[in-house]
């Protein structure tokens, strides 16, 4: 694990949320309520061919 950055930035709240395992897609949905929404992106892009999130 790396040491915390002593200089707070505008990005620090996002870093904190990511470190708590909040999905980036949810953060983006909350930050840009007018879209594009993650559900719309998923519908247009589809699921990846490799399910990287499934434990093997």
N, C-alpha and C. Protein backbone atom coordinates (compact mmCIF):
# COMPACT_ATOMS: atom_id res chain seq x y z
N UNK A 1 0.84 -1.17 0.00
CA UNK A 1 0.00 0.00 0.00
C UNK A 1 0.90 1.24 0.00
N UNK A 2 0.47 2.26 -0.69
CA UNK A 2 1.26 3.49 -0.75
C UNK A 2 0.81 4.45 0.34
N UNK A 3 1.70 5.36 0.68
CA UNK A 3 1.39 6.38 1.69
C UNK A 3 0.39 7.37 1.13
N UNK A 4 -0.51 7.91 1.98
CA UNK A 4 -1.47 8.89 1.50
C UNK A 4 -0.77 10.15 0.98
N UNK A 5 -1.37 10.75 -0.02
CA UNK A 5 -0.85 11.99 -0.59
C UNK A 5 -1.10 13.11 0.42
N UNK A 6 -0.06 13.79 0.90
CA UNK A 6 -0.26 14.84 1.91
C UNK A 6 -0.89 16.11 1.35
N UNK A 7 -0.92 16.27 0.04
CA UNK A 7 -1.46 17.47 -0.57
C UNK A 7 -2.87 17.18 -1.10
N UNK A 8 -3.90 17.69 -0.42
CA UNK A 8 -5.25 17.44 -0.93
C UNK A 8 -5.48 18.16 -2.25
N UNK A 9 -6.25 17.51 -3.11
CA UNK A 9 -6.57 18.10 -4.41
C UNK A 9 -8.07 18.00 -4.63
N UNK A 10 -8.52 18.57 -5.72
CA UNK A 10 -9.94 18.48 -6.06
C UNK A 10 -10.33 17.03 -6.32
N UNK A 11 -9.38 16.20 -6.70
CA UNK A 11 -9.67 14.80 -7.00
C UNK A 11 -9.70 13.92 -5.75
N UNK A 12 -9.33 14.45 -4.61
CA UNK A 12 -9.24 13.63 -3.41
C UNK A 12 -10.55 12.94 -3.03
N UNK A 13 -11.69 13.61 -3.11
CA UNK A 13 -12.93 12.89 -2.78
C UNK A 13 -13.16 11.67 -3.68
N UNK A 14 -12.81 11.79 -4.95
CA UNK A 14 -12.97 10.65 -5.87
C UNK A 14 -11.99 9.55 -5.49
N UNK A 15 -10.78 9.91 -5.17
CA UNK A 15 -9.80 8.90 -4.74
C UNK A 15 -10.29 8.18 -3.49
N UNK A 16 -10.87 8.94 -2.57
CA UNK A 16 -11.38 8.33 -1.34
C UNK A 16 -12.50 7.34 -1.65
N UNK A 17 -13.41 7.73 -2.54
CA UNK A 17 -14.51 6.83 -2.90
C UNK A 17 -13.99 5.58 -3.60
N UNK A 18 -13.03 5.74 -4.50
CA UNK A 18 -12.45 4.59 -5.19
C UNK A 18 -11.74 3.67 -4.20
N UNK A 19 -11.07 4.25 -3.21
CA UNK A 19 -10.38 3.42 -2.22
C UNK A 19 -11.36 2.65 -1.35
N UNK A 20 -12.60 3.10 -1.29
CA UNK A 20 -13.66 2.39 -0.57
C UNK A 20 -14.42 1.43 -1.48
N UNK A 21 -13.89 1.23 -2.70
CA UNK A 21 -14.43 0.29 -3.69
C UNK A 21 -15.79 0.70 -4.25
N UNK A 22 -16.05 2.01 -4.28
CA UNK A 22 -17.25 2.50 -4.95
C UNK A 22 -16.95 2.47 -6.45
N UNK A 23 -17.80 1.85 -7.25
CA UNK A 23 -17.53 1.73 -8.69
C UNK A 23 -17.42 3.09 -9.37
N UNK A 24 -16.45 3.20 -10.26
CA UNK A 24 -16.26 4.43 -11.00
C UNK A 24 -17.52 4.80 -11.79
N UNK A 25 -18.22 3.81 -12.32
CA UNK A 25 -19.43 4.11 -13.07
C UNK A 25 -20.49 4.78 -12.18
N UNK A 26 -20.58 4.38 -10.91
CA UNK A 26 -21.52 5.02 -9.99
C UNK A 26 -21.09 6.45 -9.70
N UNK A 27 -19.80 6.65 -9.49
CA UNK A 27 -19.29 8.00 -9.25
C UNK A 27 -19.60 8.90 -10.44
N UNK A 28 -19.40 8.37 -11.64
CA UNK A 28 -19.68 9.17 -12.84
C UNK A 28 -21.17 9.48 -12.95
N UNK A 29 -22.03 8.51 -12.63
CA UNK A 29 -23.48 8.75 -12.67
C UNK A 29 -23.87 9.85 -11.68
N UNK A 30 -23.25 9.85 -10.52
CA UNK A 30 -23.56 10.86 -9.51
C UNK A 30 -22.99 12.23 -9.88
N UNK A 31 -21.83 12.24 -10.53
CA UNK A 31 -21.17 13.50 -10.88
C UNK A 31 -21.81 14.16 -12.08
N UNK A 32 -22.39 13.39 -12.97
CA UNK A 32 -22.99 13.93 -14.20
C UNK A 32 -24.42 13.39 -14.31
N UNK A 33 -25.36 13.92 -13.51
CA UNK A 33 -26.70 13.37 -13.48
C UNK A 33 -27.45 13.46 -14.81
N UNK A 34 -26.99 14.32 -15.71
CA UNK A 34 -27.64 14.43 -17.02
C UNK A 34 -27.12 13.42 -18.02
N UNK A 35 -26.18 12.58 -17.62
CA UNK A 35 -25.73 11.49 -18.48
C UNK A 35 -24.37 11.73 -19.09
N UNK A 36 -23.85 10.79 -19.84
CA UNK A 36 -24.48 9.50 -20.13
C UNK A 36 -24.48 8.61 -18.89
N UNK A 37 -25.50 7.82 -18.74
CA UNK A 37 -25.64 6.95 -17.59
C UNK A 37 -25.00 5.60 -17.87
N UNK A 38 -24.50 4.98 -16.82
CA UNK A 38 -23.81 3.70 -17.00
C UNK A 38 -24.70 2.65 -17.63
N UNK A 39 -26.00 2.66 -17.34
CA UNK A 39 -26.90 1.68 -17.96
C UNK A 39 -26.98 1.90 -19.46
N UNK A 40 -26.98 3.16 -19.89
CA UNK A 40 -27.00 3.46 -21.33
C UNK A 40 -25.70 3.02 -21.99
N UNK A 41 -24.59 3.26 -21.31
CA UNK A 41 -23.29 2.85 -21.85
C UNK A 41 -23.22 1.33 -21.98
N UNK A 42 -23.69 0.63 -20.96
CA UNK A 42 -23.68 -0.83 -21.01
C UNK A 42 -24.54 -1.34 -22.16
N UNK A 43 -25.70 -0.73 -22.35
CA UNK A 43 -26.60 -1.15 -23.44
C UNK A 43 -25.95 -0.93 -24.80
N UNK A 44 -25.21 0.17 -24.95
CA UNK A 44 -24.61 0.47 -26.25
C UNK A 44 -23.31 -0.31 -26.48
N UNK A 45 -22.54 -0.54 -25.41
CA UNK A 45 -21.24 -1.21 -25.56
C UNK A 45 -21.33 -2.71 -25.35
N UNK A 46 -22.28 -3.16 -24.55
CA UNK A 46 -22.40 -4.58 -24.25
C UNK A 46 -21.39 -5.03 -23.21
N UNK A 47 -21.56 -6.25 -22.76
CA UNK A 47 -20.64 -6.81 -21.77
C UNK A 47 -19.34 -7.23 -22.45
N UNK A 48 -18.23 -7.20 -21.71
CA UNK A 48 -16.98 -7.67 -22.29
C UNK A 48 -17.02 -9.17 -22.54
N UNK A 49 -16.21 -9.64 -23.46
CA UNK A 49 -16.19 -11.08 -23.77
C UNK A 49 -15.58 -11.88 -22.63
N UNK A 50 -14.65 -11.29 -21.89
CA UNK A 50 -14.03 -11.97 -20.74
C UNK A 50 -14.61 -11.39 -19.46
N UNK A 51 -15.20 -12.23 -18.64
CA UNK A 51 -15.77 -11.80 -17.36
C UNK A 51 -14.66 -11.68 -16.33
N UNK A 52 -13.94 -10.56 -16.35
CA UNK A 52 -12.79 -10.35 -15.47
C UNK A 52 -13.18 -10.28 -14.00
N UNK A 53 -14.45 -10.01 -13.73
CA UNK A 53 -14.90 -9.84 -12.34
C UNK A 53 -15.24 -11.18 -11.68
N UNK A 54 -15.28 -12.27 -12.44
CA UNK A 54 -15.61 -13.58 -11.91
C UNK A 54 -14.33 -14.25 -11.41
N UNK A 55 -14.37 -14.70 -10.17
CA UNK A 55 -13.20 -15.38 -9.60
C UNK A 55 -12.99 -16.71 -10.32
N UNK A 56 -11.76 -17.03 -10.56
CA UNK A 56 -11.43 -18.28 -11.25
C UNK A 56 -10.62 -19.16 -10.37
